[in-house]
């Protein structure tokens, strides 16, 4: 599958190491979720939404993954650098519906694509609670244009 140039969301380059590969010498399927997670966490942490000393730095950092799905199109063969492109497809009151693509570094080949839904939780009740105004403002930077 060939990738199209995208002007929204964020792209992070990630290294694929030898220990990320399976017995066939291709990127192990479980590593895709880790790479997507790291790309998203990095983006949010650069904007002050993270954890320090085991505590969230902002209320929006207290969220969980509700849903995750992925479709594989082509194997990543061997080590080197790949790209993770992600964006917010829909921002609900308490949820953020992300989409992502794992591509070659030059964005020419799509290895996998999928969806991840995060839910913000109230730490006292562990129930869904609305994103803060600042969290919503930041998330709009990742939004795909209508």
Protein backbone atom coordinates (compact mmCIF):
# COMPACT_ATOMS: atom_id res chain seq x y z
CA UNK A 1 0.00 0.00 0.00
CA UNK A 2 1.39 3.39 -0.97
CA UNK A 3 1.08 6.30 1.46
CA UNK A 4 -0.40 9.66 0.55
CA UNK A 5 1.18 12.87 1.77
CA UNK A 6 -0.71 14.16 4.79
CA UNK A 7 -0.68 17.68 6.17
CA UNK A 8 -2.34 17.03 9.54
CA UNK A 9 -1.58 15.23 12.76
CA UNK A 10 1.98 14.44 13.74
CA UNK A 11 4.67 12.07 12.50
CA UNK A 12 7.38 10.61 14.71
CA UNK A 13 10.31 8.55 13.44
CA UNK A 14 11.12 5.50 15.55
CA UNK A 15 14.00 3.04 15.34
CA UNK A 16 13.37 -0.66 14.82
CA UNK A 17 15.97 -2.66 16.74
CA UNK A 18 16.99 -6.28 16.29
CA UNK A 19 15.06 -7.29 19.43
CA UNK A 20 11.85 -5.82 17.91
CA UNK A 21 11.91 -8.51 15.22
CA UNK A 22 10.24 -11.92 15.35
CA UNK A 23 11.70 -15.27 14.29
CA UNK A 24 11.04 -14.42 10.62
CA UNK A 25 13.12 -11.24 10.82
CA UNK A 26 10.10 -8.90 10.57
CA UNK A 27 8.73 -6.44 13.09
CA UNK A 28 6.75 -8.39 15.69
CA UNK A 29 3.05 -7.53 15.60
CA UNK A 30 2.96 -6.48 19.28
CA UNK A 31 5.63 -3.83 18.72
CA UNK A 32 3.32 -1.71 16.53
CA UNK A 33 1.14 -0.82 19.54
CA UNK A 34 4.26 0.09 21.53
CA UNK A 35 5.54 2.35 18.76
CA UNK A 36 2.17 4.10 18.44
CA UNK A 37 2.02 4.54 22.23
CA UNK A 38 5.51 6.01 22.41
CA UNK A 39 4.85 8.41 19.52
CA UNK A 40 1.66 9.69 21.15
CA UNK A 41 3.14 9.93 24.65
CA UNK A 42 6.13 11.85 23.31
CA UNK A 43 3.92 14.40 21.53
CA UNK A 44 1.78 15.01 24.61
CA UNK A 45 4.79 15.13 26.98
CA UNK A 46 6.40 17.85 24.84
CA UNK A 47 3.28 19.90 25.63
CA UNK A 48 3.35 19.24 29.39
CA UNK A 49 0.84 16.37 29.51
CA UNK A 50 2.70 13.47 31.11
CA UNK A 51 3.60 11.89 34.44
CA UNK A 52 6.21 13.01 36.98
CA UNK A 53 6.98 11.11 40.17
CA UNK A 54 4.15 8.71 39.38
CA UNK A 55 1.54 11.46 39.15
CA UNK A 56 -0.14 13.12 36.17
CA UNK A 57 1.20 16.58 35.36
CA UNK A 58 -2.28 17.62 34.18
CA UNK A 59 -5.75 16.08 34.60
CA UNK A 60 -5.75 15.09 30.90
CA UNK A 61 -2.79 12.75 31.44
CA UNK A 62 -5.07 10.45 33.43
CA UNK A 63 -6.58 8.46 30.57
CA UNK A 64 -6.80 4.88 29.38
CA UNK A 65 -7.03 3.05 26.08
CA UNK A 66 -10.55 1.80 25.53
CA UNK A 67 -10.17 0.42 22.03
CA UNK A 68 -7.31 -0.52 19.75
CA UNK A 69 -7.42 -2.03 16.27
CA UNK A 70 -4.82 -2.47 13.59
CA UNK A 71 -4.67 -3.76 10.03
CA UNK A 72 -1.34 -4.96 8.66
CA UNK A 73 -0.55 -4.31 4.99
CA UNK A 74 3.14 -5.20 4.57
CA UNK A 75 5.89 -6.44 6.89
CA UNK A 76 8.65 -4.22 8.22
CA UNK A 77 11.69 -6.27 7.24
CA UNK A 78 14.72 -5.79 9.44
CA UNK A 79 16.08 -2.92 11.45
CA UNK A 80 16.16 0.77 10.64
CA UNK A 81 13.87 3.75 11.07
CA UNK A 82 10.12 3.84 10.36
CA UNK A 83 7.48 6.53 10.87
CA UNK A 84 4.34 6.66 13.00
CA UNK A 85 1.77 9.18 11.78
CA UNK A 86 -1.19 9.82 14.09
CA UNK A 87 -4.05 12.26 14.33
CA UNK A 88 -7.31 12.90 16.17
CA UNK A 89 -10.23 11.81 14.01
CA UNK A 90 -12.88 12.80 16.55
CA UNK A 91 -12.68 14.45 19.96
CA UNK A 92 -15.67 13.63 22.15
CA UNK A 93 -16.53 14.94 25.58
CA UNK A 94 -14.52 12.24 27.36
CA UNK A 95 -12.95 10.35 24.45
CA UNK A 96 -10.29 10.93 21.82
CA UNK A 97 -10.57 8.81 18.68
CA UNK A 98 -7.09 8.60 17.14
CA UNK A 99 -6.12 7.10 13.82
CA UNK A 100 -2.59 6.09 12.94
CA UNK A 101 -0.41 4.78 10.15
CA UNK A 102 2.95 3.07 10.46
CA UNK A 103 4.93 3.84 7.31
CA UNK A 104 8.38 3.75 5.83
CA UNK A 105 10.59 6.65 6.90
CA UNK A 106 9.98 8.37 3.56
CA UNK A 107 6.19 7.79 3.87
CA UNK A 108 6.10 5.77 0.64
CA UNK A 109 4.94 2.44 2.09
CA UNK A 110 2.13 1.88 4.61
CA UNK A 111 2.99 -1.09 6.80
CA UNK A 112 -0.08 -0.84 9.05
CA UNK A 113 -2.92 1.46 9.99
CA UNK A 114 -5.45 1.53 12.76
CA UNK A 115 -7.50 3.19 15.42
CA UNK A 116 -7.03 3.88 19.10
CA UNK A 117 -9.62 5.40 21.42
CA UNK A 118 -8.54 6.97 24.72
CA UNK A 119 -10.93 7.88 27.54
CA UNK A 120 -10.13 10.49 30.18
CA UNK A 121 -10.90 9.22 33.68
CA UNK A 122 -11.60 10.89 36.99
CA UNK A 123 -8.87 9.49 39.29
CA UNK A 124 -11.23 9.35 42.30
CA UNK A 125 -14.12 7.52 40.64
CA UNK A 126 -12.32 5.86 37.67
CA UNK A 127 -15.30 6.95 35.53
CA UNK A 128 -15.13 8.93 32.27
CA UNK A 129 -14.83 12.68 32.76
CA UNK A 130 -14.55 15.57 30.27
CA UNK A 131 -11.24 16.73 28.83
CA UNK A 132 -10.06 20.08 30.13
CA UNK A 133 -10.20 23.18 27.92
CA UNK A 134 -6.40 23.05 27.58
CA UNK A 135 -6.48 19.37 26.65
CA UNK A 136 -9.11 20.09 24.01
CA UNK A 137 -7.05 22.99 22.66
CA UNK A 138 -3.97 20.79 22.34
CA UNK A 139 -5.92 17.92 20.76
CA UNK A 140 -7.24 20.21 18.04
CA UNK A 141 -3.62 20.61 16.85
CA UNK A 142 -3.77 16.93 15.88
CA UNK A 143 -7.21 17.07 14.28
CA UNK A 144 -7.74 16.04 10.69
CA UNK A 145 -9.36 18.86 8.73
CA UNK A 146 -13.03 18.35 7.86
